[in-house]
Protein backbone atom coordinates (compact mmCIF):
# COMPACT_ATOMS: atom_id res chain seq x y z
CA MET A 1 -26.63 -38.36 -84.85
CA GLY A 2 -24.12 -37.66 -82.13
CA LEU A 3 -24.67 -38.79 -78.73
CA VAL A 4 -25.76 -35.22 -77.68
CA GLU A 5 -27.45 -33.87 -80.90
CA SER A 6 -28.85 -30.70 -80.68
CA LYS A 7 -28.52 -30.19 -76.75
CA ASN A 8 -27.10 -27.02 -75.27
CA ALA A 9 -24.00 -27.12 -72.89
CA ILE A 10 -21.90 -24.95 -70.74
CA VAL A 11 -18.26 -26.03 -69.80
CA THR A 12 -16.64 -24.37 -67.16
CA GLY A 13 -12.98 -23.90 -67.95
CA GLY A 14 -12.86 -24.69 -71.37
CA SER A 15 -9.94 -22.74 -72.87
CA LEU A 16 -7.24 -25.06 -72.14
CA GLY A 17 -6.31 -28.85 -71.61
CA ILE A 18 -9.11 -31.23 -70.41
CA GLY A 19 -11.97 -28.32 -70.96
CA THR A 20 -11.15 -27.88 -74.34
CA ALA A 21 -11.16 -31.32 -75.19
CA ILE A 22 -14.73 -31.57 -73.68
CA SER A 23 -15.91 -28.40 -75.24
CA LEU A 24 -14.72 -29.92 -78.89
CA ASP A 25 -15.89 -33.41 -78.10
CA LEU A 26 -19.20 -32.30 -77.33
CA GLY A 27 -19.49 -30.07 -80.28
CA GLN A 28 -18.44 -32.82 -82.19
CA GLU A 29 -21.19 -35.20 -80.96
CA GLY A 30 -23.82 -32.38 -81.83
CA ALA A 31 -24.13 -29.96 -78.90
CA ASN A 32 -23.90 -26.20 -78.63
CA VAL A 33 -21.63 -25.33 -76.25
CA ALA A 34 -20.87 -22.21 -74.06
CA LEU A 35 -17.44 -22.08 -72.64
CA THR A 36 -15.76 -20.05 -69.78
CA TYR A 37 -12.57 -18.87 -69.42
CA ARG A 38 -10.55 -16.43 -67.21
CA SER A 39 -6.91 -15.44 -68.68
CA HIS A 40 -6.99 -17.31 -72.09
CA PRO A 41 -9.34 -15.29 -74.13
CA ASP A 42 -7.35 -16.00 -77.63
CA GLU A 43 -7.61 -19.75 -76.76
CA ALA A 44 -11.00 -19.66 -75.55
CA LYS A 45 -12.32 -17.79 -78.85
CA GLU A 46 -10.39 -20.60 -81.09
CA VAL A 47 -12.41 -23.16 -79.41
CA ALA A 48 -15.34 -21.22 -80.08
CA ARG A 49 -14.69 -20.57 -83.40
CA LYS A 50 -13.84 -24.75 -84.01
CA ILE A 51 -17.12 -25.81 -82.77
CA GLU A 52 -18.86 -23.22 -84.75
CA GLY A 53 -16.80 -25.03 -87.86
CA MET A 54 -18.61 -27.81 -86.60
CA GLY A 55 -22.27 -26.26 -87.40
CA ARG A 56 -22.77 -25.94 -83.91
CA ARG A 57 -23.31 -22.76 -81.97
CA ALA A 58 -20.52 -21.59 -79.27
CA MET A 59 -20.22 -18.67 -77.06
CA ALA A 60 -16.77 -17.93 -74.99
CA TYR A 61 -17.68 -16.21 -71.66
CA GLN A 62 -15.12 -14.67 -69.63
CA ILE A 63 -15.77 -15.12 -65.65
CA ASP A 64 -14.41 -16.04 -62.46
CA VAL A 65 -16.11 -18.96 -61.22
CA SER A 66 -15.88 -18.25 -57.84
CA GLY A 67 -18.56 -15.06 -58.10
CA PHE A 68 -22.02 -16.61 -57.24
CA ASP A 69 -23.71 -13.72 -59.29
CA ALA A 70 -21.70 -13.97 -62.43
CA ALA A 71 -22.23 -17.72 -62.67
CA GLN A 72 -26.08 -16.86 -62.61
CA GLU A 73 -25.90 -13.85 -65.10
CA MET A 74 -23.95 -16.32 -67.32
CA VAL A 75 -26.33 -19.24 -67.17
CA ASP A 76 -29.16 -16.99 -67.70
CA LYS A 77 -27.58 -15.35 -70.80
CA VAL A 78 -26.76 -18.91 -72.09
CA VAL A 79 -30.36 -20.10 -71.48
CA GLN A 80 -31.75 -16.75 -73.41
CA GLU A 81 -29.06 -17.19 -76.21
CA PHE A 82 -29.28 -21.02 -76.99
CA GLY A 83 -33.25 -21.25 -75.82
CA GLY A 84 -32.50 -23.87 -73.16
CA LEU A 85 -29.70 -25.60 -71.33
CA ASP A 86 -29.30 -29.65 -70.98
CA ILE A 87 -26.00 -30.17 -69.95
CA LEU A 88 -23.69 -28.69 -67.68
CA VAL A 89 -20.00 -29.66 -67.02
CA CYS A 90 -17.81 -27.97 -64.17
CA ASN A 91 -14.26 -28.31 -64.80
CA ALA A 92 -12.72 -25.17 -64.02
CA GLY A 93 -10.24 -25.41 -61.65
CA MET A 94 -6.69 -24.43 -60.10
CA ASN A 95 -3.83 -25.81 -57.70
CA TRP A 96 -1.77 -23.99 -55.57
CA ASP A 97 0.23 -26.38 -53.52
CA GLY A 98 2.14 -26.43 -50.56
CA VAL A 99 2.70 -28.56 -47.65
CA ILE A 100 -0.02 -27.65 -44.67
CA TRP A 101 2.43 -26.38 -42.55
CA LYS A 102 3.47 -23.64 -45.05
CA MET A 103 0.36 -23.31 -46.39
CA SER A 104 -1.36 -19.69 -46.14
CA GLU A 105 -5.00 -18.66 -45.82
CA GLU A 106 -5.10 -17.18 -49.23
CA GLN A 107 -3.81 -20.65 -50.79
CA TRP A 108 -6.31 -22.26 -49.05
CA ASP A 109 -9.39 -19.75 -49.75
CA ARG A 110 -8.67 -19.56 -53.42
CA VAL A 111 -8.17 -23.15 -54.18
CA ILE A 112 -11.54 -23.81 -52.22
CA ASP A 113 -13.43 -21.15 -54.08
CA VAL A 114 -12.84 -21.85 -57.33
CA ASN A 115 -12.61 -25.42 -57.21
CA LEU A 116 -15.61 -26.00 -54.80
CA LYS A 117 -17.24 -23.21 -54.27
CA GLY A 118 -17.15 -22.55 -58.37
CA TYR A 119 -18.84 -25.87 -58.97
CA PHE A 120 -21.46 -25.05 -56.42
CA ASN A 121 -22.05 -21.67 -58.24
CA PHE A 122 -23.13 -23.10 -61.33
CA ALA A 123 -24.99 -26.12 -59.99
CA ARG A 124 -27.02 -23.78 -58.11
CA ALA A 125 -27.48 -21.51 -61.31
CA VAL A 126 -28.62 -24.42 -63.48
CA THR A 127 -31.07 -26.38 -60.85
CA PRO A 128 -34.15 -24.08 -61.36
CA THR A 129 -33.99 -24.86 -65.04
CA PHE A 130 -33.37 -28.86 -64.98
CA ARG A 131 -36.01 -28.88 -62.27
CA GLU A 132 -38.65 -27.32 -64.46
CA GLN A 133 -37.86 -29.20 -67.39
CA GLN A 134 -37.80 -32.69 -65.41
CA SER A 135 -34.32 -33.23 -67.29
CA GLY A 136 -30.47 -32.37 -67.32
CA LYS A 137 -26.89 -34.01 -67.11
CA MET A 138 -24.47 -32.66 -64.66
CA VAL A 139 -20.88 -33.83 -64.83
CA ASN A 140 -18.28 -32.62 -62.72
CA ILE A 141 -14.59 -33.02 -62.94
CA THR A 142 -12.67 -34.37 -59.79
CA SER A 143 -9.55 -35.87 -59.16
CA ILE A 144 -7.93 -39.28 -58.15
CA ASN A 145 -6.47 -37.05 -55.36
CA GLY A 146 -9.71 -36.24 -54.33
CA LEU A 147 -10.10 -40.08 -53.52
CA ARG A 148 -7.13 -40.52 -51.84
CA GLY A 149 -5.38 -37.20 -51.26
CA LYS A 150 -1.59 -36.27 -52.19
CA PHE A 151 1.20 -34.90 -50.38
CA GLY A 152 1.79 -31.15 -50.87
CA GLN A 153 -1.78 -30.60 -52.20
CA THR A 154 -4.42 -30.50 -49.11
CA ASN A 155 -6.22 -27.71 -50.54
CA TYR A 156 -6.57 -29.26 -54.16
CA SER A 157 -7.35 -32.69 -52.45
CA ALA A 158 -10.11 -31.11 -50.08
CA SER A 159 -11.43 -29.36 -53.17
CA LYS A 160 -11.79 -32.25 -55.25
CA ALA A 161 -13.00 -34.54 -52.58
CA GLY A 162 -15.83 -31.96 -51.83
CA ILE A 163 -16.59 -32.04 -55.43
CA ILE A 164 -17.19 -35.73 -54.96
CA GLY A 165 -19.72 -35.24 -51.73
CA LEU A 166 -21.25 -32.45 -53.79
CA THR A 167 -21.87 -34.94 -56.89
CA LYS A 168 -23.32 -37.64 -54.57
CA ALA A 169 -25.70 -35.41 -52.61
CA MET A 170 -26.93 -33.28 -55.32
CA ALA A 171 -27.65 -36.75 -57.24
CA LYS A 172 -30.13 -37.66 -54.45
CA GLU A 173 -31.56 -34.43 -54.33
CA LEU A 174 -32.46 -34.25 -58.08
CA GLY A 175 -33.02 -37.55 -59.27
CA ARG A 176 -36.42 -37.15 -58.62
CA TYR A 177 -36.80 -34.63 -61.36
CA GLY A 178 -34.98 -36.56 -63.90
CA VAL A 179 -31.37 -35.15 -63.47
CA ASN A 180 -28.25 -37.28 -63.73
CA VAL A 181 -25.01 -35.84 -61.58
CA ASN A 182 -21.93 -37.83 -62.20
CA ALA A 183 -18.28 -36.94 -61.76
CA VAL A 184 -14.97 -37.85 -63.72
CA GLY A 185 -11.95 -38.40 -61.70
CA PRO A 186 -8.76 -38.07 -64.12
CA GLY A 187 -5.30 -39.12 -63.11
CA LEU A 188 -2.27 -37.40 -64.66
CA ILE A 189 -3.01 -36.45 -67.99
CA GLU A 190 -0.85 -34.76 -70.73
CA THR A 191 -2.08 -31.27 -70.92
CA GLU A 192 -0.11 -27.87 -71.73
CA MET A 193 -0.18 -27.23 -68.05
CA LEU A 194 2.04 -30.46 -67.36
CA ARG A 195 4.40 -29.76 -70.15
CA GLN A 196 5.02 -26.44 -68.57
CA ASN A 197 5.66 -27.76 -65.36
CA PRO A 198 9.68 -27.32 -64.47
CA ALA A 199 9.07 -30.47 -62.23
CA ARG A 200 7.65 -32.38 -65.34
CA GLU A 201 10.18 -35.24 -65.64
CA LYS A 202 9.60 -36.22 -61.94
CA VAL A 203 5.94 -35.76 -61.79
CA GLU A 204 5.59 -38.02 -64.90
CA GLN A 205 7.85 -40.52 -63.36
CA MET A 206 6.20 -40.96 -60.49
CA ALA A 207 3.14 -41.08 -62.05
CA LEU A 208 3.90 -43.85 -64.72
CA ALA A 209 5.23 -45.85 -61.55
CA GLU A 210 1.42 -46.07 -60.65
CA ILE A 211 -0.19 -46.42 -63.94
CA VAL A 212 -0.66 -49.80 -64.90
CA LEU A 213 -1.61 -49.45 -68.43
CA GLY A 214 2.20 -47.78 -68.53
CA ARG A 215 1.37 -44.03 -70.15
CA LEU A 216 -0.22 -41.01 -69.13
CA GLY A 217 -3.95 -40.07 -70.02
CA GLN A 218 -5.15 -38.01 -72.93
CA PRO A 219 -7.51 -35.17 -72.53
CA GLU A 220 -9.86 -36.72 -75.41
CA GLU A 221 -9.90 -39.74 -73.36
CA VAL A 222 -11.22 -38.06 -70.43
CA ALA A 223 -13.70 -35.78 -72.56
CA TRP A 224 -15.45 -39.56 -74.38
CA VAL A 225 -16.07 -40.20 -70.87
CA VAL A 226 -17.75 -36.61 -70.21
CA THR A 227 -19.81 -36.82 -73.40
CA PHE A 228 -21.18 -40.45 -72.69
CA LEU A 229 -22.21 -39.31 -69.21
CA SER A 230 -24.09 -36.03 -70.70
CA SER A 231 -25.88 -38.46 -73.12
CA GLU A 232 -29.09 -40.45 -72.87
CA LYS A 233 -26.76 -43.68 -72.82
CA ALA A 234 -25.97 -42.91 -69.61
CA ARG A 235 -29.51 -41.96 -68.47
CA HIS A 236 -29.30 -45.08 -65.57
CA ILE A 237 -26.12 -44.01 -64.31
CA THR A 238 -26.00 -41.28 -61.44
CA GLY A 239 -24.21 -40.28 -58.50
CA GLU A 240 -21.13 -42.16 -59.49
CA VAL A 241 -17.45 -41.04 -60.03
CA ILE A 242 -15.58 -42.75 -62.99
CA THR A 243 -11.78 -42.13 -62.75
CA VAL A 244 -10.01 -42.06 -66.25
CA ASP A 245 -6.35 -42.84 -64.99
CA GLY A 246 -5.10 -46.10 -66.30
CA GLY A 247 -5.62 -47.77 -63.24
CA GLN A 248 -3.25 -45.19 -61.43
CA TYR A 249 -5.65 -45.04 -58.55
CA ILE A 250 -5.45 -48.74 -57.99
């Protein structure tokens, strides 16, 4: 019996990295999973195929999470196809770095629209269902840089800090309906995005100097915490931010 056996989940940004690990772990633990992608259709369909190979139902939707109406349409489709919804994991995000004195309005707006408004869009879309059924789990992926800020990432850090405020406020609003809302804040995680970063060596060295466990995190280590928070074993936890960073933040 898996931690989320027979539950129905949405994972935004599920085609790569941490999102893929979350989608697969939820499937492994018994959930049907609908995942979103924006520009990696082959990877998204492969994740869905793997989940189906576990004996679960899976769907991959191409969507720009910053679209309010598009988020509602997807949620409605998932509820119809799966027959309900129990878990929302907001993970889709982007970065477009630059120091504040060089940052363009477009850089600021796009990162905020995807990383923060995208979370609001999906949370807003699922809450009527969660309220009506008097249950639901929301897990928002933030970052330790939303807790501390990071040089060259004012837009990204602001968006991730906003997710923390969104999480805590929603936990207060939805607690009376039996809905748990929590956030997970990864440190530097070894993903394909990091491996393709031209400045990878420098980025890793700076992170490793801060990480007390002495190694980078793996995507599945974030996923395990997300699945736990999506399960009934976390039913008395809400409004929390759990860092998965090997002690990088401390």
